[in-house]
Amino acid sequence: MRSRYICLTTEANGKRGSSVLKMEVREENTADAGQGHKWESLSHWELDQRLDRAVEEMIEADLVAQVQEQMTSVLMQASQQEDSEPPDEAEKATPQQSESRTAVQESASQRSHDTEAMEANPTVQYVTNFLQSSSASKNRLSGRARRSLSHTVLLSLTLLSKCITYRSVCSRFHLEKGNLYRIFSTFCDQVIAQKDRLIQWPTGQEALQHLLPFSSWLSRNEALEETGLPRVLGVLGDTRIPIRLPTGKPDRESDTPVAKRPKNQPHPDSWLNLELVCNDEGRFIYCHISKGSQKDRGRALAERIRQNPEMVPPGTCLIAGVGYPLTEQILTPFPPGQNPQENLYNRSVGNHLDRIHQAVADLKERFQKLRYLDMGNYDKAKAVVLAACVLHNVYLDMGDVTKGLVERSTPEDMEEVNKDAAGVKMRETVVNLLYSTLEAAPQ
């Protein structure tokens, strides 16, 4: 049996040393199991990766050959002038020499500027030390540029914290786009490796230190805290991270048919759902990322709490918005308050929800790349978002204070879902306790 396969090779081309990409179709007799090798077809992803690397090697070879030719020409001219011209005239540089010296000086100046920026930027130094202290980052981060860890942190934070393109970062740091992709991707992986260390659900004494009174005015009177109202352990909320619509065939199980989706409604997979729980300091203690088409709002966390009830100790609760499951541990507001008691309860819950809204605004202000991720790959986009959430807590640890502008959007008309009997009873108890405490409070 004869099989055909495609072979990609690169070879030197002539005097300039540039590489040429060759695509050959070869035939091989595979009938003999003992002779020859079995060739398997490459996937589209593997083929794209090999093509990218081959093209990058061609570009690198061309650039190296051009620089070598220019340097050789400049050195030959300088040598000839030194032999033929008087000493005073030999000191005069030719235009080509001046341009070459200027380019070298500019490159050295840029490297010096980058080094000074790293030394003067406490955030870069803090993140670098943080990664160096972890066992997962002992090895050099990937990339043929062989950049130091501090350089890698600087370019990665630059790309993550600003709404700039890969092209502009490549120009500043003198990198190829493919190389920058690999460096940034590896940086995100190294940060994500510290997720369990940075994004932790509080337990024991740590949880008690961050409990908040259910209503803000109760904190002014310590005697009123013993009324039986639960204290708030954290606030649950979510946001959308826009991404480039993935290419390829749609997921038939999750995507709405094109014919049935209104034209003005965006494709559900053109964003990521980012679900977070923050404590009283705006620190993330829980993070869950899913596709836009996956509408399981809070269900994963509710199920986790149901299986591990010690996550929310007795006398405490989580606060979440309308649309989240109403359980004994997760309290949500009434869609519209029907009486003064419910309105008072909704105002108290709303004050807590402002905390998660501010934390999300701070996250997007620190890492403006999250305003739109020009990535069509779900896993890569998810890695960037998760790395930003981990770094958010790192920034808080170093004392960084960033206040983002909370987006005041029109509230959607949402109905309550997944109300269990224990959750309904718990909410009614809190409503009655809160209102009776108000009436009994001294004027």
Protein backbone atom coordinates (compact mmCIF):
# COMPACT_ATOMS: atom_id res chain seq x y z
CA MET A 1 0.00 0.00 0.00
CA ARG A 2 1.37 3.42 -0.95
CA SER A 3 0.53 6.56 1.04
CA ARG A 4 1.14 10.23 0.31
CA TYR A 5 2.09 12.85 2.86
CA ILE A 6 3.21 16.48 2.93
CA CYS A 7 6.68 17.34 4.20
CA LEU A 8 7.59 20.89 5.26
CA THR A 9 11.30 21.74 5.15
CA THR A 10 13.42 24.86 5.38
CA GLU A 11 16.83 25.26 3.76
CA ALA A 12 19.39 28.01 3.25
CA ASN A 13 18.94 30.03 0.09
CA GLY A 14 22.10 31.25 -1.60
CA LYS A 15 24.51 33.78 -0.23
CA ARG A 16 22.10 35.76 1.93
CA GLY A 17 21.38 32.82 4.19
CA SER A 18 17.63 33.27 4.02
CA SER A 19 15.40 30.27 4.50
CA VAL A 20 12.99 28.90 1.95
CA LEU A 21 9.87 27.02 2.95
CA LYS A 22 9.35 23.91 0.82
CA MET A 23 6.23 21.82 0.74
CA GLU A 24 6.87 18.41 -0.81
CA VAL A 25 4.47 15.62 -1.49
CA ARG A 26 6.20 12.32 -0.97
CA GLU A 27 5.12 8.77 -1.42
CA GLU A 28 6.08 5.89 0.77
CA ASN A 29 5.46 2.22 0.59
CA THR A 30 3.87 1.24 3.91
CA ALA A 31 3.04 -2.30 2.92
CA ASP A 32 6.22 -3.47 4.61
CA ALA A 33 5.69 -3.05 8.33
CA GLY A 34 9.35 -3.66 9.01
CA GLN A 35 10.55 -1.03 6.53
CA GLY A 36 9.89 2.70 6.78
CA HIS A 37 7.81 4.59 9.32
CA LYS A 38 4.10 5.07 9.68
CA TRP A 39 3.16 8.66 8.94
CA GLU A 40 0.13 10.22 10.55
CA SER A 41 -1.61 13.30 9.25
CA LEU A 42 -1.16 16.52 11.26
CA SER A 43 -4.11 18.30 12.82
CA HIS A 44 -4.94 21.84 11.67
CA TRP A 45 -3.54 23.27 14.90
CA GLU A 46 -0.24 21.39 14.60
CA LEU A 47 0.08 22.36 10.96
CA ASP A 48 -0.52 26.03 11.80
CA GLN A 49 2.08 25.90 14.57
CA ARG A 50 4.72 24.38 12.28
CA LEU A 51 3.95 26.86 9.54
CA ASP A 52 4.26 29.76 12.00
CA ARG A 53 7.60 28.50 13.25
CA ALA A 54 8.90 27.93 9.74
CA VAL A 55 7.90 31.45 8.68
CA GLU A 56 9.47 32.95 11.80
CA GLU A 57 12.72 31.10 11.11
CA MET A 58 12.70 32.48 7.57
CA ILE A 59 12.20 36.03 8.85
CA GLU A 60 14.92 35.64 11.46
CA ALA A 61 17.35 34.26 8.91
CA ASP A 62 16.64 37.17 6.54
CA LEU A 63 17.14 39.74 9.30
CA VAL A 64 20.38 38.15 10.44
CA ALA A 65 21.68 38.00 6.87
CA GLN A 66 20.80 41.66 6.26
CA VAL A 67 22.51 42.79 9.44
CA GLN A 68 25.58 40.73 8.61
CA GLU A 69 25.77 42.22 5.11
CA GLN A 70 25.41 45.76 6.46
CA MET A 71 28.04 45.24 9.14
CA THR A 72 30.41 43.60 6.65
CA SER A 73 29.96 46.49 4.22
CA VAL A 74 30.50 49.10 6.93
CA LEU A 75 33.61 47.35 8.25
CA MET A 76 35.11 46.99 4.75
CA GLN A 77 34.50 50.67 3.97
CA ALA A 78 35.95 51.72 7.29
CA SER A 79 39.02 49.55 6.72
CA GLN A 80 39.57 50.93 3.22
CA GLN A 81 39.21 54.52 4.40
CA GLU A 82 41.65 54.01 7.23
CA ASP A 83 44.26 52.67 4.75
CA SER A 84 43.76 55.29 1.99
CA GLU A 85 42.74 58.49 3.76
CA PRO A 86 44.74 60.77 6.05
CA PRO A 87 44.11 60.34 9.76
CA ASP A 88 42.04 63.53 10.05
CA GLU A 89 39.71 62.50 7.19
CA ALA A 90 39.42 58.89 8.37
CA GLU A 91 37.69 60.13 11.47
CA LYS A 92 34.79 61.44 9.37
CA ALA A 93 32.01 58.85 9.24
CA THR A 94 30.19 57.97 6.03
CA PRO A 95 26.37 58.25 5.90
CA GLN A 96 26.05 54.45 6.13
CA GLN A 97 28.33 54.40 9.18
CA SER A 98 26.32 57.17 10.80
CA GLU A 99 23.07 55.36 10.21
CA SER A 100 24.51 52.12 11.57
CA ARG A 101 25.88 53.85 14.66
CA THR A 102 22.57 55.66 15.19
CA ALA A 103 20.63 52.39 14.98
CA VAL A 104 22.97 50.73 17.47
CA GLN A 105 22.72 53.72 19.82
CA GLU A 106 18.93 53.77 19.58
CA SER A 107 18.75 50.03 20.31
CA ALA A 108 21.08 50.41 23.29
CA SER A 109 19.09 53.43 24.47
CA GLN A 110 15.84 51.44 24.26
CA ARG A 111 17.33 48.54 26.23
CA SER A 112 18.64 50.98 28.83
CA HIS A 113 15.21 52.64 29.03
CA ASP A 114 13.50 49.27 29.51
CA THR A 115 15.97 48.34 32.25
CA GLU A 116 15.39 51.66 34.01
CA ALA A 117 11.62 51.16 33.70
CA MET A 118 11.89 47.73 35.32
CA GLU A 119 14.05 49.02 38.15
CA ALA A 120 11.78 52.02 38.75
CA ASN A 121 8.49 50.11 38.53
CA PRO A 122 7.66 48.53 41.90
CA THR A 123 4.82 46.50 40.38
CA VAL A 124 7.16 44.76 37.93
CA GLN A 125 9.63 44.02 40.70
CA TYR A 126 6.90 42.73 43.05
CA VAL A 127 5.38 40.41 40.42
CA THR A 128 8.85 39.22 39.40
CA ASN A 129 9.74 38.38 42.99
CA PHE A 130 6.36 36.71 43.42
CA LEU A 131 6.94 34.42 40.44
CA GLN A 132 10.53 33.73 41.46
CA SER A 133 9.37 32.62 44.89
CA SER A 134 7.10 29.97 43.39
CA SER A 135 8.47 26.54 42.55
CA ALA A 136 6.61 26.49 39.22
CA SER A 137 8.65 29.36 37.77
CA LYS A 138 12.20 28.17 38.36
CA ASN A 139 12.65 27.55 34.65
CA ARG A 140 13.11 30.35 32.16
CA LEU A 141 9.89 31.41 30.48
CA SER A 142 9.59 30.28 26.87
CA GLY A 143 10.49 32.32 23.82
CA ARG A 144 13.51 32.34 21.57
CA ALA A 145 14.30 35.91 22.62
CA ARG A 146 15.70 34.49 25.91
CA ARG A 147 14.43 37.45 27.88
CA SER A 148 14.92 37.68 31.60
CA LEU A 149 11.98 37.10 33.93
CA SER A 150 11.73 40.82 34.76
CA HIS A 151 11.66 41.68 31.05
CA THR A 152 8.95 39.06 30.50
CA VAL A 153 6.88 40.47 33.37
CA LEU A 154 7.28 44.00 32.03
CA LEU A 155 6.09 43.21 28.50
CA SER A 156 3.28 40.92 29.76
CA LEU A 157 1.93 43.51 32.21
CA THR A 158 2.22 46.15 29.50
CA LEU A 159 0.12 44.02 27.18
CA LEU A 160 -2.38 43.13 29.91
CA SER A 161 -2.83 46.52 31.55
CA LYS A 162 -3.40 48.64 28.43
CA CYS A 163 -5.68 48.56 25.41
CA ILE A 164 -2.82 48.17 22.95
CA THR A 165 -2.17 45.77 20.11
CA TYR A 166 0.38 42.99 19.93
CA ARG A 167 2.04 44.88 17.08
CA SER A 168 2.82 47.92 19.23
CA VAL A 169 4.28 45.75 22.01
CA CYS A 170 6.38 43.86 19.45
CA SER A 171 7.71 47.15 18.12
CA ARG A 172 8.62 48.42 21.58
CA PHE A 173 10.34 45.25 22.79
CA HIS A 174 11.78 44.25 19.38
CA LEU A 175 9.95 40.93 19.27
CA GLU A 176 8.20 38.95 16.62
CA LYS A 177 4.47 38.47 17.05
CA GLY A 178 4.68 34.70 17.32
CA ASN A 179 7.40 34.95 19.95
CA LEU A 180 5.34 37.47 21.95
CA TYR A 181 2.36 35.11 21.83
CA ARG A 182 4.42 32.32 23.36
CA ILE A 183 6.01 34.50 26.04
CA PHE A 184 2.67 36.01 27.09
CA SER A 185 0.94 32.64 27.07
CA THR A 186 3.65 31.08 29.24
CA PHE A 187 3.51 34.07 31.62
CA CYS A 188 -0.24 33.55 32.05
CA ASP A 189 0.31 29.85 32.72
CA GLN A 190 2.90 30.64 35.39
CA VAL A 191 0.51 33.07 37.11
CA ILE A 192 -2.41 30.62 36.91
CA ALA A 193 -0.24 28.00 38.62
CA GLN A 194 -0.53 30.20 41.74
CA LYS A 195 -4.35 30.34 41.62
CA ASP A 196 -4.91 28.08 44.64
CA ARG A 197 -2.38 30.13 46.57
CA LEU A 198 -3.98 33.50 45.80
CA ILE A 199 -7.70 32.84 45.28
CA GLN A 200 -8.67 30.96 48.41
CA TRP A 201 -12.01 30.42 50.10
CA PRO A 202 -11.63 31.73 53.67
CA THR A 203 -11.95 29.31 56.55
CA GLY A 204 -11.65 29.47 60.32
CA GLN A 205 -10.26 32.66 61.81
CA GLU A 206 -9.61 34.20 58.41
CA ALA A 207 -13.32 33.99 57.55
CA LEU A 208 -14.30 35.60 60.87
CA GLN A 209 -11.97 38.55 60.25
CA HIS A 210 -13.76 39.53 57.04
CA LEU A 211 -17.41 39.13 58.06
CA LEU A 212 -19.63 42.14 57.50
CA PRO A 213 -22.92 43.08 59.17
CA PHE A 214 -25.95 42.43 57.01
CA SER A 215 -26.96 46.07 57.14
CA SER A 216 -24.42 48.89 57.16
CA TRP A 217 -26.10 50.86 59.93
CA LEU A 218 -25.90 47.86 62.28
CA SER A 219 -22.12 48.27 62.50
CA ARG A 220 -22.63 51.56 64.33
CA ASN A 221 -24.35 49.79 67.23
CA GLU A 222 -22.62 46.64 68.47
CA ALA A 223 -25.65 45.65 70.57
CA LEU A 224 -27.80 45.34 67.45
CA GLU A 225 -25.45 42.79 65.89
CA GLU A 226 -26.78 40.13 68.25
CA THR A 227 -30.30 40.21 66.81
CA GLY A 228 -29.87 36.98 64.85
CA LEU A 229 -29.24 38.51 61.44
CA PRO A 230 -26.62 36.59 59.43
CA ARG A 231 -23.30 38.22 58.70
CA VAL A 232 -22.03 38.46 55.15
CA LEU A 233 -19.07 36.27 54.17
CA GLY A 234 -18.82 37.46 50.56
CA VAL A 235 -20.66 38.90 47.59
CA LEU A 236 -21.31 36.91 44.40
CA GLY A 237 -21.54 38.62 41.02
CA ASP A 238 -20.55 38.31 37.38
CA THR A 239 -19.46 40.23 34.33
CA ARG A 240 -18.92 39.62 30.62
CA ILE A 241 -15.53 39.69 28.91
CA PRO A 242 -15.93 40.33 25.14
CA ILE A 243 -13.80 38.12 22.91
CA ARG A 244 -13.44 37.58 19.19
CA LEU A 245 -16.00 35.10 17.90
CA PRO A 246 -14.29 31.71 17.62
CA THR A 247 -13.83 30.35 14.11
CA GLY A 248 -15.06 26.97 13.02
CA LYS A 249 -18.34 25.14 13.27
CA PRO A 250 -20.80 26.28 15.97
CA ASP A 251 -21.57 24.11 18.96
CA ARG A 252 -24.96 22.65 18.13
CA GLU A 253 -25.72 21.84 21.74
CA SER A 254 -25.21 25.36 23.06
CA ASP A 255 -25.61 27.78 20.16
CA THR A 256 -28.93 29.19 19.14
CA PRO A 257 -29.70 28.55 15.46
CA VAL A 258 -28.80 31.56 13.37
CA ALA A 259 -32.29 31.76 11.89
CA LYS A 260 -33.92 32.04 15.32
CA ARG A 261 -31.51 34.59 16.85
CA PRO A 262 -32.40 38.29 16.31
CA LYS A 263 -29.93 40.20 14.19
CA ASN A 264 -29.27 42.77 16.92
CA GLN A 265 -28.47 40.07 19.49
CA PRO A 266 -24.75 39.18 19.73
CA HIS A 267 -23.58 35.63 19.36
CA PRO A 268 -23.51 33.98 22.81
CA ASP A 269 -19.93 32.81 22.39
CA SER A 270 -18.65 36.32 21.62
CA TRP A 271 -17.96 36.79 25.35
CA LEU A 272 -16.90 34.89 28.46
CA ASN A 273 -18.92 34.72 31.66
CA LEU A 274 -16.72 35.67 34.61
CA GLU A 275 -18.27 34.79 37.97
CA LEU A 276 -16.60 36.10 41.12
CA VAL A 277 -17.01 36.23 44.88
CA CYS A 278 -15.23 39.06 46.72
CA ASN A 279 -14.78 39.78 50.41
CA ASP A 280 -14.99 43.07 52.29
CA GLU A 281 -11.63 44.21 50.82
CA GLY A 282 -12.59 43.52 47.21
CA ARG A 283 -10.34 40.46 47.14
CA PHE A 284 -11.51 37.54 45.01
CA ILE A 285 -12.10 34.34 46.98
CA TYR A 286 -13.81 32.47 44.13
CA CYS A 287 -13.51 32.60 40.35
CA HIS A 288 -15.37 30.66 37.66
CA ILE A 289 -15.14 31.24 33.89
CA SER A 290 -17.48 29.77 31.29
CA LYS A 291 -18.56 30.32 27.71
CA GLY A 292 -21.23 32.89 27.00
CA SER A 293 -23.59 30.17 25.82
CA GLN A 294 -23.33 28.34 29.16
CA LYS A 295 -26.02 29.82 31.39
CA ASP A 296 -25.45 28.14 34.74
CA ARG A 297 -25.41 31.28 36.83
CA GLY A 298 -24.21 30.39 40.30
CA ARG A 299 -25.25 26.75 40.05
CA ALA A 300 -21.70 25.40 40.24
CA LEU A 301 -21.00 27.35 43.44
CA ALA A 302 -24.38 26.47 44.98
CA GLU A 303 -23.74 22.79 44.34
CA ARG A 304 -20.26 23.04 45.79
CA ILE A 305 -21.63 24.67 48.95
CA ARG A 306 -24.33 22.02 49.20
CA GLN A 307 -21.68 19.30 49.16
CA ASN A 308 -19.39 21.25 51.52
CA PRO A 309 -21.67 23.14 53.95
CA GLU A 310 -18.68 24.17 56.09
CA MET A 311 -17.82 26.72 53.37
CA VAL A 312 -20.60 28.96 54.74
CA PRO A 313 -20.65 28.52 58.54
CA PRO A 314 -23.90 28.91 60.48
CA GLY A 315 -24.83 32.54 61.07
CA THR A 316 -23.23 33.66 57.79
CA CYS A 317 -24.37 33.96 54.17
CA LEU A 318 -23.41 35.06 50.67
CA ILE A 319 -25.17 37.92 48.88
CA ALA A 320 -25.99 37.63 45.17
CA GLY A 321 -28.11 39.47 42.63
CA VAL A 322 -31.42 38.51 41.07
CA GLY A 323 -31.08 35.49 38.83
CA TYR A 324 -28.82 33.56 41.17
CA PRO A 325 -30.09 30.53 43.10
CA LEU A 326 -31.84 31.43 46.35
CA THR A 327 -30.65 29.00 49.00
CA GLU A 328 -30.17 28.98 52.74
CA GLN A 329 -26.55 30.13 52.21
CA ILE A 330 -27.06 32.45 49.20
CA LEU A 331 -29.54 35.29 49.68
CA THR A 332 -30.85 37.31 46.74
CA PRO A 333 -33.05 40.43 46.56
CA PHE A 334 -36.70 40.49 45.62
CA PRO A 335 -37.08 41.30 41.90
CA PRO A 336 -39.33 44.23 42.88
CA GLY A 337 -40.03 45.04 46.53
CA GLN A 338 -43.74 44.72 47.28
CA ASN A 339 -43.80 46.36 50.72
CA PRO A 340 -41.60 48.45 53.08
CA GLN A 341 -40.07 45.33 54.63
CA GLU A 342 -38.92 43.98 51.27
CA ASN A 343 -37.70 47.41 50.15
CA LEU A 344 -35.58 47.74 53.30
CA TYR A 345 -34.14 44.28 52.69
CA ASN A 346 -33.38 45.12 49.05
CA ARG A 347 -31.53 48.30 50.05
CA SER A 348 -29.33 46.36 52.47
CA VAL A 349 -28.58 43.72 49.82
CA GLY A 350 -27.94 46.42 47.20
CA ASN A 351 -25.23 48.01 49.37
CA HIS A 352 -23.36 44.71 49.37
CA LEU A 353 -23.82 44.22 45.63
CA ASP A 354 -22.11 47.58 45.08
CA ARG A 355 -18.97 45.97 46.51
CA ILE A 356 -18.72 43.31 43.80
CA HIS A 357 -19.55 45.89 41.13
CA GLN A 358 -16.64 48.03 42.35
CA ALA A 359 -14.29 45.04 42.48
CA VAL A 360 -15.13 44.18 38.86
CA ALA A 361 -14.60 47.82 37.83
CA ASP A 362 -11.20 47.82 39.58
CA LEU A 363 -10.25 44.59 37.80
CA LYS A 364 -11.04 46.04 34.37
CA GLU A 365 -9.29 49.30 35.21
CA ARG A 366 -6.11 47.49 36.26
CA PHE A 367 -6.18 45.17 33.26
CA GLN A 368 -7.77 47.07 30.41
CA LYS A 369 -7.10 44.17 28.05
CA LEU A 370 -10.25 42.59 29.53
CA ARG A 371 -12.42 45.22 27.88
CA TYR A 372 -11.95 43.25 24.66
CA LEU A 373 -9.82 40.16 24.10
CA ASP A 374 -8.84 39.80 20.46
CA MET A 375 -8.70 36.03 20.82
CA GLY A 376 -10.84 33.46 19.06
CA ASN A 377 -9.60 30.55 21.14
CA TYR A 378 -11.68 29.91 24.26
CA ASP A 379 -8.93 28.23 26.31
CA LYS A 380 -6.38 30.98 25.61
CA ALA A 381 -8.89 33.74 26.39
CA LYS A 382 -9.89 31.95 29.60
CA ALA A 383 -6.22 31.74 30.64
CA VAL A 384 -5.76 35.50 30.21
CA VAL A 385 -8.88 36.30 32.26
CA LEU A 386 -7.91 33.89 35.04
CA ALA A 387 -4.37 35.29 35.16
CA ALA A 388 -5.81 38.81 35.52
CA CYS A 389 -7.97 37.68 38.47
CA VAL A 390 -4.94 36.16 40.21
CA LEU A 391 -2.87 39.30 39.59
CA HIS A 392 -5.75 41.40 40.97
CA ASN A 393 -5.14 39.79 44.37
CA VAL A 394 -1.37 40.16 43.95
CA TYR A 395 -1.83 43.88 43.41
CA LEU A 396 -3.97 44.12 46.55
CA ASP A 397 -1.24 42.33 48.53
CA MET A 398 1.31 44.92 47.45
CA GLY A 399 -1.01 47.75 48.50
CA ASP A 400 -1.96 48.94 45.02
CA VAL A 401 -5.13 51.06 45.07
CA THR A 402 -7.01 51.36 41.78
CA LYS A 403 -10.58 52.59 41.53
CA GLY A 404 -12.44 51.87 38.33
CA LEU A 405 -15.61 53.53 37.14
CA VAL A 406 -18.63 51.33 37.86
CA GLU A 407 -20.78 50.85 34.78
CA ARG A 408 -24.31 51.90 35.58
CA SER A 409 -26.37 49.77 33.22
CA THR A 410 -30.13 49.52 33.12
CA PRO A 411 -31.18 46.56 35.26
CA GLU A 412 -32.67 43.72 33.28
CA ASP A 413 -36.09 42.32 34.09
CA MET A 414 -35.03 39.03 35.59
CA GLU A 415 -37.05 36.45 37.37
CA GLU A 416 -36.00 34.43 40.35
CA VAL A 417 -34.79 30.95 39.52
CA ASN A 418 -33.96 27.87 41.56
CA LYS A 419 -35.64 28.95 44.77
CA ASP A 420 -35.54 26.19 47.32
CA ALA A 421 -37.82 26.09 50.38
CA ALA A 422 -34.96 26.63 52.85
CA GLY A 423 -33.80 29.71 50.93
CA VAL A 424 -37.27 31.26 50.82
CA LYS A 425 -37.72 30.65 54.57
CA MET A 426 -34.29 32.10 55.38
CA ARG A 427 -34.95 35.24 53.36
CA GLU A 428 -38.33 35.80 55.04
CA THR A 429 -36.67 35.40 58.43
CA VAL A 430 -34.02 38.00 57.56
CA VAL A 431 -36.67 40.41 56.24
CA ASN A 432 -38.67 40.22 59.49
CA LEU A 433 -35.59 40.47 61.72
CA LEU A 434 -34.23 43.45 59.82
CA TYR A 435 -37.50 45.35 59.97
CA SER A 436 -38.18 44.56 63.64
CA THR A 437 -34.62 45.62 64.52
CA LEU A 438 -35.22 48.95 62.81
CA GLU A 439 -38.43 49.55 64.72
CA ALA A 440 -36.82 48.64 68.04
CA ALA A 441 -33.73 50.81 67.42
CA PRO A 442 -33.56 53.99 69.58
CA GLN A 443 -34.22 57.15 67.62
